Amino acid sequence: NKAFKILKEYLPGPFTFILPTSPALPKVFKGRKEVGVRIPDNN
């Protein structure tokens, strides 16, 4: 919930937010605990 509020405030925008991974990530990410998420302000 706290992370959602942060993302909602700053995205879309020029930020990369490092977040814990979910099991749905492709296998190349397996074993990784973190992923950078970008939602740029660019259509």
PDB file of all heavy atoms in Angstrom:
ATOM      1  N   ASN A   1       0.805  -1.217   0.000  1.00  0.00           N
ATOM      2  CA  ASN A   1       0.000   0.000   0.000  1.00  0.00           C
ATOM      3  C   ASN A   1       0.841   1.271   0.000  1.00  0.00           C
ATOM      4  O   ASN A   1       0.535   2.241  -0.706  1.00  0.00           O
ATOM      5  CB  ASN A   1      -0.949   0.007   1.206  1.00  0.00           C
ATOM      6  CG  ASN A   1      -2.058  -1.014   1.063  1.00  0.00           C
ATOM      7  OD1 ASN A   1      -2.406  -1.416  -0.044  1.00  0.00           O
ATOM      8  ND2 ASN A   1      -2.627  -1.444   2.187  1.00  0.00           N
ATOM      9  N   LYS A   2       1.923   1.267   0.791  1.00  0.00           N
ATOM     10  CA  LYS A   2       2.773   2.461   0.845  1.00  0.00           C
ATOM     11  C   LYS A   2       3.493   2.680  -0.486  1.00  0.00           C
ATOM     12  O   LYS A   2       3.592   3.809  -0.973  1.00  0.00           O
ATOM     13  CB  LYS A   2       3.789   2.327   1.988  1.00  0.00           C
ATOM     14  CG  LYS A   2       3.172   2.474   3.367  1.00  0.00           C
ATOM     15  CD  LYS A   2       4.236   2.425   4.453  1.00  0.00           C
ATOM     16  CE  LYS A   2       3.613   2.601   5.834  1.00  0.00           C
ATOM     17  NZ  LYS A   2       4.631   2.534   6.915  1.00  0.00           N
ATOM     18  N   ALA A   3       3.994   1.586  -1.046  1.00  0.00           N
ATOM     19  CA  ALA A   3       4.666   1.698  -2.341  1.00  0.00           C
ATOM     20  C   ALA A   3       3.684   2.164  -3.419  1.00  0.00           C
ATOM     21  O   ALA A   3       4.035   2.977  -4.291  1.00  0.00           O
ATOM     22  CB  ALA A   3       5.296   0.366  -2.730  1.00  0.00           C
ATOM     23  N   PHE A   4       2.455   1.670  -3.360  1.00  0.00           N
ATOM     24  CA  PHE A   4       1.446   2.072  -4.339  1.00  0.00           C
ATOM     25  C   PHE A   4       1.212   3.579  -4.275  1.00  0.00           C
ATOM     26  O   PHE A   4       1.122   4.254  -5.313  1.00  0.00           O
ATOM     27  CB  PHE A   4       0.136   1.327  -4.092  1.00  0.00           C
ATOM     28  CG  PHE A   4      -0.974   1.745  -5.024  1.00  0.00           C
ATOM     29  CD1 PHE A   4      -1.062   1.219  -6.297  1.00  0.00           C
ATOM     30  CD2 PHE A   4      -1.916   2.688  -4.614  1.00  0.00           C
ATOM     31  CE1 PHE A   4      -2.071   1.622  -7.169  1.00  0.00           C
ATOM     32  CE2 PHE A   4      -2.928   3.095  -5.478  1.00  0.00           C
ATOM     33  CZ  PHE A   4      -3.013   2.556  -6.752  1.00  0.00           C
ATOM     34  N   LYS A   5       1.128   4.129  -3.069  1.00  0.00           N
ATOM     35  CA  LYS A   5       0.917   5.567  -2.927  1.00  0.00           C
ATOM     36  C   LYS A   5       2.080   6.361  -3.512  1.00  0.00           C
ATOM     37  O   LYS A   5       1.886   7.410  -4.145  1.00  0.00           O
ATOM     38  CB  LYS A   5       0.726   5.917  -1.448  1.00  0.00           C
ATOM     39  CG  LYS A   5      -0.603   5.441  -0.877  1.00  0.00           C
ATOM     40  CD  LYS A   5      -0.725   5.812   0.596  1.00  0.00           C
ATOM     41  CE  LYS A   5      -2.047   5.316   1.174  1.00  0.00           C
ATOM     42  NZ  LYS A   5      -2.170   5.634   2.622  1.00  0.00           N
ATOM     43  N   ILE A   6       3.300   5.852  -3.316  1.00  0.00           N
ATOM     44  CA  ILE A   6       4.483   6.529  -3.877  1.00  0.00           C
ATOM     45  C   ILE A   6       4.440   6.483  -5.398  1.00  0.00           C
ATOM     46  O   ILE A   6       4.633   7.503  -6.076  1.00  0.00           O
ATOM     47  CB  ILE A   6       5.773   5.883  -3.347  1.00  0.00           C
ATOM     48  CG1 ILE A   6       5.920   6.147  -1.840  1.00  0.00           C
ATOM     49  CG2 ILE A   6       6.988   6.406  -4.106  1.00  0.00           C
ATOM     50  CD1 ILE A   6       7.052   5.368  -1.186  1.00  0.00           C
ATOM     51  N   LEU A   7       4.187   5.306  -5.956  1.00  0.00           N
ATOM     52  CA  LEU A   7       4.134   5.166  -7.408  1.00  0.00           C
ATOM     53  C   LEU A   7       3.015   6.022  -7.996  1.00  0.00           C
ATOM     54  O   LEU A   7       3.183   6.656  -9.050  1.00  0.00           O
ATOM     55  CB  LEU A   7       3.946   3.703  -7.803  1.00  0.00           C
ATOM     56  CG  LEU A   7       5.223   2.889  -8.039  1.00  0.00           C
ATOM     57  CD1 LEU A   7       6.105   2.853  -6.790  1.00  0.00           C
ATOM     58  CD2 LEU A   7       4.892   1.478  -8.491  1.00  0.00           C
ATOM     59  N   LYS A   8       1.882   6.047  -7.308  1.00  0.00           N
ATOM     60  CA  LYS A   8       0.740   6.831  -7.795  1.00  0.00           C
ATOM     61  C   LYS A   8       1.088   8.314  -7.845  1.00  0.00           C
ATOM     62  O   LYS A   8       0.653   9.047  -8.748  1.00  0.00           O
ATOM     63  CB  LYS A   8      -0.453   6.603  -6.859  1.00  0.00           C
ATOM     64  CG  LYS A   8      -1.757   7.175  -7.350  1.00  0.00           C
ATOM     65  CD  LYS A   8      -2.354   6.345  -8.447  1.00  0.00           C
ATOM     66  CE  LYS A   8      -3.754   6.841  -8.804  1.00  0.00           C
ATOM     67  NZ  LYS A   8      -4.296   6.124  -9.982  1.00  0.00           N
ATOM     68  N   GLU A   9       1.908   8.768  -6.885  1.00  0.00           N
ATOM     69  CA  GLU A   9       2.267  10.186  -6.825  1.00  0.00           C
ATOM     70  C   GLU A   9       3.276  10.576  -7.900  1.00  0.00           C
ATOM     71  O   GLU A   9       3.192  11.675  -8.464  1.00  0.00           O
ATOM     72  CB  GLU A   9       2.835  10.511  -5.443  1.00  0.00           C
ATOM     73  CG  GLU A   9       3.253  11.967  -5.285  1.00  0.00           C
ATOM     74  CD  GLU A   9       3.769  12.290  -3.898  1.00  0.00           C
ATOM     75  OE1 GLU A   9       3.683  11.423  -2.995  1.00  0.00           O
ATOM     76  OE2 GLU A   9       4.266  13.415  -3.704  1.00  0.00           O
ATOM     77  N   TYR A  10       4.222   9.681  -8.184  1.00  0.00           N
ATOM     78  CA  TYR A  10       5.360  10.069  -9.029  1.00  0.00           C
ATOM     79  C   TYR A  10       5.304   9.519 -10.462  1.00  0.00           C
ATOM     80  O   TYR A  10       6.122   9.928 -11.288  1.00  0.00           O
ATOM     81  CB  TYR A  10       6.667   9.616  -8.376  1.00  0.00           C
ATOM     82  CG  TYR A  10       7.035  10.446  -7.175  1.00  0.00           C
ATOM     83  CD1 TYR A  10       6.695  10.040  -5.895  1.00  0.00           C
ATOM     84  CD2 TYR A  10       7.706  11.655  -7.313  1.00  0.00           C
ATOM     85  CE1 TYR A  10       7.022  10.801  -4.776  1.00  0.00           C
ATOM     86  CE2 TYR A  10       8.044  12.428  -6.213  1.00  0.00           C
ATOM     87  CZ  TYR A  10       7.692  11.996  -4.952  1.00  0.00           C
ATOM     88  OH  TYR A  10       8.012  12.760  -3.859  1.00  0.00           O
ATOM     89  N   LEU A  11       4.391   8.620 -10.745  1.00  0.00           N
ATOM     90  CA  LEU A  11       4.338   8.017 -12.072  1.00  0.00           C
ATOM     91  C   LEU A  11       3.025   8.354 -12.778  1.00  0.00           C
ATOM     92  O   LEU A  11       1.998   8.481 -12.120  1.00  0.00           O
ATOM     93  CB  LEU A  11       4.491   6.491 -11.955  1.00  0.00           C
ATOM     94  CG  LEU A  11       5.816   6.018 -11.362  1.00  0.00           C
ATOM     95  CD1 LEU A  11       5.816   4.499 -11.221  1.00  0.00           C
ATOM     96  CD2 LEU A  11       7.004   6.474 -12.212  1.00  0.00           C
ATOM     97  N   PRO A  12       3.057   8.518 -14.099  1.00  0.00           N
ATOM     98  CA  PRO A  12       4.238   8.435 -14.971  1.00  0.00           C
ATOM     99  C   PRO A  12       5.230   9.568 -14.686  1.00  0.00           C
ATOM    100  O   PRO A  12       4.816  10.678 -14.392  1.00  0.00           O
ATOM    101  CB  PRO A  12       3.653   8.572 -16.377  1.00  0.00           C
ATOM    102  CG  PRO A  12       2.189   8.278 -16.252  1.00  0.00           C
ATOM    103  CD  PRO A  12       1.824   8.743 -14.872  1.00  0.00           C
ATOM    104  N   GLY A  13       6.500   9.237 -14.816  1.00  0.00           N
ATOM    105  CA  GLY A  13       7.529  10.228 -14.569  1.00  0.00           C
ATOM    106  C   GLY A  13       8.911   9.645 -14.711  1.00  0.00           C
ATOM    107  O   GLY A  13       9.080   8.433 -14.894  1.00  0.00           O
ATOM    108  N   PRO A  14       9.964  10.493 -14.618  1.00  0.00           N
ATOM    109  CA  PRO A  14      11.347  10.074 -14.853  1.00  0.00           C
ATOM    110  C   PRO A  14      11.970   9.392 -13.640  1.00  0.00           C
ATOM    111  O   PRO A  14      12.957   9.856 -13.081  1.00  0.00           O
ATOM    112  CB  PRO A  14      12.048  11.378 -15.201  1.00  0.00           C
ATOM    113  CG  PRO A  14      11.308  12.407 -14.408  1.00  0.00           C
ATOM    114  CD  PRO A  14       9.875  11.955 -14.400  1.00  0.00           C
ATOM    115  N   PHE A  15      11.347   8.296 -13.219  1.00  0.00           N
ATOM    116  CA  PHE A  15      11.811   7.551 -12.048  1.00  0.00           C
ATOM    117  C   PHE A  15      11.909   6.066 -12.375  1.00  0.00           C
ATOM    118  O   PHE A  15      11.143   5.541 -13.179  1.00  0.00           O
ATOM    119  CB  PHE A  15      10.841   7.710 -10.871  1.00  0.00           C
ATOM    120  CG  PHE A  15      10.726   9.113 -10.358  1.00  0.00           C
ATOM    121  CD1 PHE A  15       9.778   9.979 -10.888  1.00  0.00           C
ATOM    122  CD2 PHE A  15      11.577   9.569  -9.360  1.00  0.00           C
ATOM    123  CE1 PHE A  15       9.679  11.282 -10.426  1.00  0.00           C
ATOM    124  CE2 PHE A  15      11.479  10.867  -8.892  1.00  0.00           C
ATOM    125  CZ  PHE A  15      10.528  11.731  -9.427  1.00  0.00           C
ATOM    126  N   THR A  16      12.875   5.411 -11.736  1.00  0.00           N
ATOM    127  CA  THR A  16      12.932   3.953 -11.703  1.00  0.00           C
ATOM    128  C   THR A  16      12.767   3.551 -10.244  1.00  0.00           C
ATOM    129  O   THR A  16      13.583   3.928  -9.398  1.00  0.00           O
ATOM    130  CB  THR A  16      14.278   3.425 -12.232  1.00  0.00           C
ATOM    131  OG1 THR A  16      14.466   3.855 -13.585  1.00  0.00           O
ATOM    132  CG2 THR A  16      14.322   1.896 -12.178  1.00  0.00           C
ATOM    133  N   PHE A  17      11.713   2.814  -9.950  1.00  0.00           N
ATOM    134  CA  PHE A  17      11.467   2.367  -8.580  1.00  0.00           C
ATOM    135  C   PHE A  17      11.870   0.903  -8.445  1.00  0.00           C
ATOM    136  O   PHE A  17      11.379   0.046  -9.193  1.00  0.00           O
ATOM    137  CB  PHE A  17      10.002   2.558  -8.198  1.00  0.00           C
ATOM    138  CG  PHE A  17       9.629   3.994  -7.982  1.00  0.00           C
ATOM    139  CD1 PHE A  17       8.897   4.696  -8.931  1.00  0.00           C
ATOM    140  CD2 PHE A  17      10.032   4.655  -6.835  1.00  0.00           C
ATOM    141  CE1 PHE A  17       8.568   6.026  -8.732  1.00  0.00           C
ATOM    142  CE2 PHE A  17       9.710   5.992  -6.624  1.00  0.00           C
ATOM    143  CZ  PHE A  17       8.983   6.677  -7.572  1.00  0.00           C
ATOM    144  N   ILE A  18      12.775   0.645  -7.523  1.00  0.00           N
ATOM    145  CA  ILE A  18      13.209  -0.726  -7.265  1.00  0.00           C
ATOM    146  C   ILE A  18      12.235  -1.367  -6.285  1.00  0.00           C
ATOM    147  O   ILE A  18      12.022  -0.857  -5.186  1.00  0.00           O
ATOM    148  CB  ILE A  18      14.644  -0.768  -6.716  1.00  0.00           C
ATOM    149  CG1 ILE A  18      15.610  -0.140  -7.735  1.00  0.00           C
ATOM    150  CG2 ILE A  18      15.064  -2.201  -6.401  1.00  0.00           C
ATOM    151  CD1 ILE A  18      17.035  -0.013  -7.241  1.00  0.00           C
ATOM    152  N   LEU A  19      11.652  -2.481  -6.723  1.00  0.00           N
ATOM    153  CA  LEU A  19      10.603  -3.150  -5.963  1.00  0.00           C
ATOM    154  C   LEU A  19      10.913  -4.631  -5.829  1.00  0.00           C
ATOM    155  O   LEU A  19      11.684  -5.188  -6.627  1.00  0.00           O
ATOM    156  CB  LEU A  19       9.260  -2.979  -6.675  1.00  0.00           C
ATOM    157  CG  LEU A  19       8.664  -1.570  -6.669  1.00  0.00           C
ATOM    158  CD1 LEU A  19       7.712  -1.391  -7.836  1.00  0.00           C
ATOM    159  CD2 LEU A  19       7.950  -1.313  -5.350  1.00  0.00           C
ATOM    160  N   PRO A  20      10.310  -5.309  -4.853  1.00  0.00           N
ATOM    161  CA  PRO A  20      10.468  -6.761  -4.773  1.00  0.00           C
ATOM    162  C   PRO A  20       9.818  -7.436  -5.980  1.00  0.00           C
ATOM    163  O   PRO A  20       8.774  -6.978  -6.470  1.00  0.00           O
ATOM    164  CB  PRO A  20       9.733  -7.127  -3.469  1.00  0.00           C
ATOM    165  CG  PRO A  20       9.595  -5.855  -2.707  1.00  0.00           C
ATOM    166  CD  PRO A  20       9.504  -4.769  -3.729  1.00  0.00           C
ATOM    167  N   THR A  21      10.426  -8.477  -6.468  1.00  0.00           N
ATOM    168  CA  THR A  21       9.891  -9.173  -7.638  1.00  0.00           C
ATOM    169  C   THR A  21       8.671 -10.009  -7.286  1.00  0.00           C
ATOM    170  O   THR A  21       8.473 -10.395  -6.133  1.00  0.00           O
ATOM    171  CB  THR A  21      10.954 -10.092  -8.264  1.00  0.00           C
ATOM    172  OG1 THR A  21      11.397 -11.024  -7.268  1.00  0.00           O
ATOM    173  CG2 THR A  21      12.137  -9.314  -8.776  1.00  0.00           C
ATOM    174  N   SER A  22       7.888 -10.302  -8.313  1.00  0.00           N
ATOM    175  CA  SER A  22       6.769 -11.232  -8.163  1.00  0.00           C
ATOM    176  C   SER A  22       7.088 -12.493  -8.956  1.00  0.00           C
ATOM    177  O   SER A  22       7.897 -12.475  -9.888  1.00  0.00           O
ATOM    178  CB  SER A  22       5.466 -10.597  -8.661  1.00  0.00           C
ATOM    179  OG  SER A  22       5.137 -11.047  -9.939  1.00  0.00           O
ATOM    180  N   PRO A  23       6.437 -13.623  -8.632  1.00  0.00           N
ATOM    181  CA  PRO A  23       6.706 -14.879  -9.341  1.00  0.00           C
ATOM    182  C   PRO A  23       6.348 -14.829 -10.822  1.00  0.00           C
ATOM    183  O   PRO A  23       6.781 -15.688 -11.590  1.00  0.00           O
ATOM    184  CB  PRO A  23       5.819 -15.893  -8.603  1.00  0.00           C
ATOM    185  CG  PRO A  23       5.564 -15.293  -7.263  1.00  0.00           C
ATOM    186  CD  PRO A  23       5.520 -13.809  -7.489  1.00  0.00           C
ATOM    187  N   ALA A  24       5.579 -13.829 -11.248  1.00  0.00           N
ATOM    188  CA  ALA A  24       5.149 -13.754 -12.642  1.00  0.00           C
ATOM    189  C   ALA A  24       6.247 -13.270 -13.586  1.00  0.00           C
ATOM    190  O   ALA A  24       6.092 -13.360 -14.807  1.00  0.00           O
ATOM    191  CB  ALA A  24       3.931 -12.832 -12.763  1.00  0.00           C
ATOM    192  N   LEU A  25       7.339 -12.758 -13.055  1.00  0.00           N
ATOM    193  CA  LEU A  25       8.422 -12.297 -13.921  1.00  0.00           C
ATOM    194  C   LEU A  25       8.976 -13.443 -14.760  1.00  0.00           C
ATOM    195  O   LEU A  25       9.007 -14.593 -14.305  1.00  0.00           O
ATOM    196  CB  LEU A  25       9.557 -11.683 -13.090  1.00  0.00           C
ATOM    197  CG  LEU A  25       9.402 -10.209 -12.705  1.00  0.00           C
ATOM    198  CD1 LEU A  25      10.482  -9.815 -11.720  1.00  0.00           C
ATOM    199  CD2 LEU A  25       9.470  -9.309 -13.932  1.00  0.00           C
ATOM    200  N   PRO A  26       9.416 -13.158 -15.991  1.00  0.00           N
ATOM    201  CA  PRO A  26       9.985 -14.207 -16.851  1.00  0.00           C
ATOM    202  C   PRO A  26      11.179 -14.894 -16.195  1.00  0.00           C
ATOM    203  O   PRO A  26      11.805 -14.357 -15.268  1.00  0.00           O
ATOM    204  CB  PRO A  26      10.419 -13.426 -18.096  1.00  0.00           C
ATOM    205  CG  PRO A  26       9.542 -12.217 -18.109  1.00  0.00           C
ATOM    206  CD  PRO A  26       9.309 -11.866 -16.674  1.00  0.00           C
ATOM    207  N   LYS A  27      11.509 -16.079 -16.711  1.00  0.00           N
ATOM    208  CA  LYS A  27      12.506 -16.923 -16.050  1.00  0.00           C
ATOM    209  C   LYS A  27      13.890 -16.306 -15.984  1.00  0.00           C
ATOM    210  O   LYS A  27      14.687 -16.658 -15.112  1.00  0.00           O
ATOM    211  CB  LYS A  27      12.591 -18.290 -16.719  1.00  0.00           C
ATOM    212  CG  LYS A  27      13.085 -18.273 -18.160  1.00  0.00           C
ATOM    213  CD  LYS A  27      13.132 -19.689 -18.715  1.00  0.00           C
ATOM    214  CE  LYS A  27      13.663 -19.719 -20.144  1.00  0.00           C
ATOM    215  NZ  LYS A  27      13.712 -21.096 -20.671  1.00  0.00           N
ATOM    216  N   VAL A  28      14.199 -15.364 -16.886  1.00  0.00           N
ATOM    217  CA  VAL A  28      15.512 -14.719 -16.822  1.00  0.00           C
ATOM    218  C   VAL A  28      15.673 -13.936 -15.521  1.00  0.00           C
ATOM    219  O   VAL A  28      16.780 -13.669 -15.065  1.00  0.00           O
ATOM    220  CB  VAL A  28      15.731 -13.794 -18.039  1.00  0.00           C
ATOM    221  CG1 VAL A  28      14.863 -12.551 -17.939  1.00  0.00           C
ATOM    222  CG2 VAL A  28      17.201 -13.395 -18.177  1.00  0.00           C
ATOM    223  N   PHE A  29      14.542 -13.593 -14.875  1.00  0.00           N
ATOM    224  CA  PHE A  29      14.584 -12.868 -13.615  1.00  0.00           C
ATOM    225  C   PHE A  29      14.577 -13.801 -12.415  1.00  0.00           C
ATOM    226  O   PHE A  29      14.654 -13.342 -11.280  1.00  0.00           O
ATOM    227  CB  PHE A  29      13.371 -11.936 -13.499  1.00  0.00           C
ATOM    228  CG  PHE A  29      13.373 -10.788 -14.472  1.00  0.00           C
ATOM    229  CD1 PHE A  29      12.876 -10.949 -15.757  1.00  0.00           C
ATOM    230  CD2 PHE A  29      13.857  -9.546 -14.105  1.00  0.00           C
ATOM    231  CE1 PHE A  29      12.859  -9.891 -16.648  1.00  0.00           C
ATOM    232  CE2 PHE A  29      13.842  -8.483 -14.993  1.00  0.00           C
ATOM    233  CZ  PHE A  29      13.351  -8.658 -16.270  1.00  0.00           C
ATOM    234  N   LYS A  30      14.441 -15.095 -12.645  1.00  0.00           N
ATOM    235  CA  LYS A  30      14.331 -16.028 -11.526  1.00  0.00           C
ATOM    236  C   LYS A  30      15.562 -15.935 -10.638  1.00  0.00           C
ATOM    237  O   LYS A  30      16.701 -15.848 -11.105  1.00  0.00           O
ATOM    238  CB  LYS A  30      14.161 -17.465 -12.025  1.00  0.00           C
ATOM    239  CG  LYS A  30      12.877 -17.696 -12.812  1.00  0.00           C
ATOM    240  CD  LYS A  30      11.635 -17.287 -12.048  1.00  0.00           C
ATOM    241  CE  LYS A  30      10.376 -17.557 -12.860  1.00  0.00           C
ATOM    242  NZ  LYS A  30       9.157 -17.002 -12.257  1.00  0.00           N
ATOM    243  N   GLY A  31      15.333 -15.965  -9.350  1.00  0.00           N
ATOM    244  CA  GLY A  31      16.421 -15.824  -8.402  1.00  0.00           C
ATOM    245  C   GLY A  31      16.690 -14.384  -8.022  1.00  0.00           C
ATOM    246  O   GLY A  31      17.404 -14.111  -7.057  1.00  0.00           O
ATOM    247  N   ARG A  32      16.111 -13.452  -8.793  1.00  0.00           N
ATOM    248  CA  ARG A  32      16.283 -12.044  -8.474  1.00  0.00           C
ATOM    249  C   ARG A  32      15.250 -11.637  -7.451  1.00  0.00           C
ATOM    250  O   ARG A  32      14.078 -12.005  -7.537  1.00  0.00           O
ATOM    251  CB  ARG A  32      16.126 -11.174  -9.730  1.00  0.00           C
ATOM    252  CG  ARG A  32      17.101 -11.508 -10.848  1.00  0.00           C
ATOM    253  CD  ARG A  32      18.517 -11.258 -10.429  1.00  0.00           C
ATOM    254  NE  ARG A  32      18.708  -9.900  -9.916  1.00  0.00           N
ATOM    255  CZ  ARG A  32      19.656  -9.558  -9.050  1.00  0.00           C
ATOM    256  NH1 ARG A  32      20.481 -10.466  -8.582  1.00  0.00           N
ATOM    257  NH2 ARG A  32      19.776  -8.323  -8.648  1.00  0.00           N
ATOM    258  N   LYS A  33      15.631 -10.857  -6.472  1.00  0.00           N
ATOM    259  CA  LYS A  33      14.711 -10.398  -5.442  1.00  0.00           C
ATOM    260  C   LYS A  33      14.173  -8.998  -5.730  1.00  0.00           C
ATOM    261  O   LYS A  33      13.212  -8.565  -5.100  1.00  0.00           O
ATOM    262  CB  LYS A  33      15.402 -10.409  -4.081  1.00  0.00           C
ATOM    263  CG  LYS A  33      15.803 -11.805  -3.609  1.00  0.00           C
ATOM    264  CD  LYS A  33      16.456 -11.741  -2.238  1.00  0.00           C
ATOM    265  CE  LYS A  33      16.836 -13.133  -1.750  1.00  0.00           C
ATOM    266  NZ  LYS A  33      17.493 -13.088  -0.410  1.00  0.00           N
ATOM    267  N   GLU A  34      14.810  -8.301  -6.691  1.00  0.00           N
ATOM    268  CA  GLU A  34      14.423  -6.929  -6.973  1.00  0.00           C
ATOM    269  C   GLU A  34      14.315  -6.699  -8.474  1.00  0.00           C
ATOM    270  O   GLU A  34      15.008  -7.344  -9.255  1.00  0.00           O
ATOM    271  CB  GLU A  34      15.459  -5.959  -6.392  1.00  0.00           C
ATOM    272  CG  GLU A  34      15.661  -6.066  -4.893  1.00  0.00           C
ATOM    273  CD  GLU A  34      16.850  -5.270  -4.417  1.00  0.00           C
ATOM    274  OE1 GLU A  34      17.631  -4.780  -5.272  1.00  0.00           O
ATOM    275  OE2 GLU A  34      17.026  -5.127  -3.202  1.00  0.00           O
ATOM    276  N   VAL A  35      13.442  -5.772  -8.843  1.00  0.00           N
ATOM    277  CA  VAL A  35      13.313  -5.370 -10.240  1.00  0.00           C
ATOM    278  C   VAL A  35      13.064  -3.864 -10.280  1.00  0.00           C
ATOM    279  O   VAL A  35      12.373  -3.311  -9.415  1.00  0.00           O
ATOM    280  CB  VAL A  35      12.168  -6.134 -10.946  1.00  0.00           C
ATOM    281  CG1 VAL A  35      10.816  -5.837 -10.298  1.00  0.00           C
ATOM    282  CG2 VAL A  35      12.146  -5.832 -12.439  1.00  0.00           C
ATOM    283  N   GLY A  36      13.675  -3.192 -11.250  1.00  0.00           N
ATOM    284  CA  GLY A  36      13.425  -1.767 -11.436  1.00  0.00           C
ATOM    285  C   GLY A  36      12.193  -1.575 -12.313  1.00  0.00           C
ATOM    286  O   GLY A  36      12.076  -2.200 -13.368  1.00  0.00           O
ATOM    287  N   VAL A  37      11.283  -0.736 -11.879  1.00  0.00           N
ATOM    288  CA  VAL A  37      10.045  -0.496 -12.629  1.00  0.00           C
ATOM    289  C   VAL A  37      10.026   0.946 -13.136  1.00  0.00           C
ATOM    290  O   VAL A  37      10.206   1.890 -12.372  1.00  0.00           O
ATOM    291  CB  VAL A  37       8.807  -0.767 -11.745  1.00  0.00           C
ATOM    292  CG1 VAL A  37       7.539  -0.269 -12.438  1.00  0.00           C
ATOM    293  CG2 VAL A  37       8.693  -2.253 -11.431  1.00  0.00           C
ATOM    294  N   ARG A  38       9.815   1.074 -14.457  1.00  0.00           N
ATOM    295  CA  ARG A  38       9.697   2.390 -15.100  1.00  0.00           C
ATOM    296  C   ARG A  38       8.310   2.519 -15.717  1.00  0.00           C
ATOM    297  O   ARG A  38       7.845   1.609 -16.397  1.00  0.00           O
ATOM    298  CB  ARG A  38      10.737   2.531 -16.222  1.00  0.00           C
ATOM    299  CG  ARG A  38      12.141   2.754 -15.757  1.00  0.00           C
ATOM    300  CD  ARG A  38      12.445   4.227 -15.527  1.00  0.00           C
ATOM    301  NE  ARG A  38      12.722   4.981 -16.737  1.00  0.00           N
ATOM    302  CZ  ARG A  38      12.110   6.103 -17.067  1.00  0.00           C
ATOM    303  NH1 ARG A  38      11.128   6.596 -16.343  1.00  0.00           N
ATOM    304  NH2 ARG A  38      12.449   6.766 -18.163  1.00  0.00           N
ATOM    305  N   ILE A  39       7.650   3.635 -15.461  1.00  0.00           N
ATOM    306  CA  ILE A  39       6.433   4.007 -16.177  1.00  0.00           C
ATOM    307  C   ILE A  39       6.664   5.441 -16.634  1.00  0.00           C
ATOM    308  O   ILE A  39       6.291   6.407 -15.949  1.00  0.00           O
ATOM    309  CB  ILE A  39       5.173   3.891 -15.284  1.00  0.00           C
ATOM    310  CG1 ILE A  39       5.055   2.477 -14.707  1.00  0.00           C
ATOM    311  CG2 ILE A  39       3.921   4.243 -16.090  1.00  0.00           C
ATOM    312  CD1 ILE A  39       3.910   2.297 -13.726  1.00  0.00           C
ATOM    313  N   PRO A  40       7.350   5.602 -17.750  1.00  0.00           N
ATOM    314  CA  PRO A  40       7.781   6.943 -18.151  1.00  0.00           C
ATOM    315  C   PRO A  40       6.623   7.828 -18.598  1.00  0.00           C
ATOM    316  O   PRO A  40       5.587   7.344 -19.064  1.00  0.00           O
ATOM    317  CB  PRO A  40       8.746   6.666 -19.310  1.00  0.00           C
ATOM    318  CG  PRO A  40       8.360   5.330 -19.820  1.00  0.00           C
ATOM    319  CD  PRO A  40       7.805   4.563 -18.674  1.00  0.00           C
ATOM    320  N   ASP A  41       6.833   9.116 -18.459  1.00  0.00           N
ATOM    321  CA  ASP A  41       5.865  10.099 -18.941  1.00  0.00           C
ATOM    322  C   ASP A  41       6.108  10.306 -20.434  1.00  0.00           C
ATOM    323  O   ASP A  41       6.509  11.384 -20.884  1.00  0.00           O
ATOM    324  CB  ASP A  41       6.014  11.406 -18.164  1.00  0.00           C
ATOM    325  CG  ASP A  41       4.909  12.399 -18.508  1.00  0.00           C
ATOM    326  OD1 ASP A  41       3.919  11.984 -19.140  1.00  0.00           O
ATOM    327  OD2 ASP A  41       5.048  13.586 -18.151  1.00  0.00           O
ATOM    328  N   ASN A  42       5.886   9.237 -21.177  1.00  0.00           N
ATOM    329  CA  ASN A  42       6.072   9.238 -22.626  1.00  0.00           C
ATOM    330  C   ASN A  42       5.078   8.243 -23.220  1.00  0.00           C
ATOM    331  O   ASN A  42       5.140   7.050 -22.924  1.00  0.00           O
ATOM    332  CB  ASN A  42       7.510   8.857 -22.989  1.00  0.00           C
ATOM    333  CG  ASN A  42       7.756   8.908 -24.488  1.00  0.00           C
ATOM    334  OD1 ASN A  42       7.271   8.066 -25.229  1.00  0.00           O
ATOM    335  ND2 ASN A  42       8.526   9.888 -24.941  1.00  0.00           N
ATOM    336  N   ASN A  43       4.171   8.743 -24.032  1.00  0.00           N
ATOM    337  CA  ASN A  43       3.102   7.896 -24.563  1.00  0.00           C
ATOM    338  C   ASN A  43       3.618   6.758 -25.432  1.00  0.00           C
ATOM    339  O   ASN A  43       2.995   5.694 -25.501  1.00  0.00           O
ATOM    340  CB  ASN A  43       2.120   8.740 -25.374  1.00  0.00           C
ATOM    341  CG  ASN A  43       1.295   9.663 -24.502  1.00  0.00           C
ATOM    342  OD1 ASN A  43       1.072   9.374 -23.325  1.00  0.00           O
ATOM    343  ND2 ASN A  43       0.848  10.778 -25.058  1.00  0.00           N
TER     344      ASN A  43
END
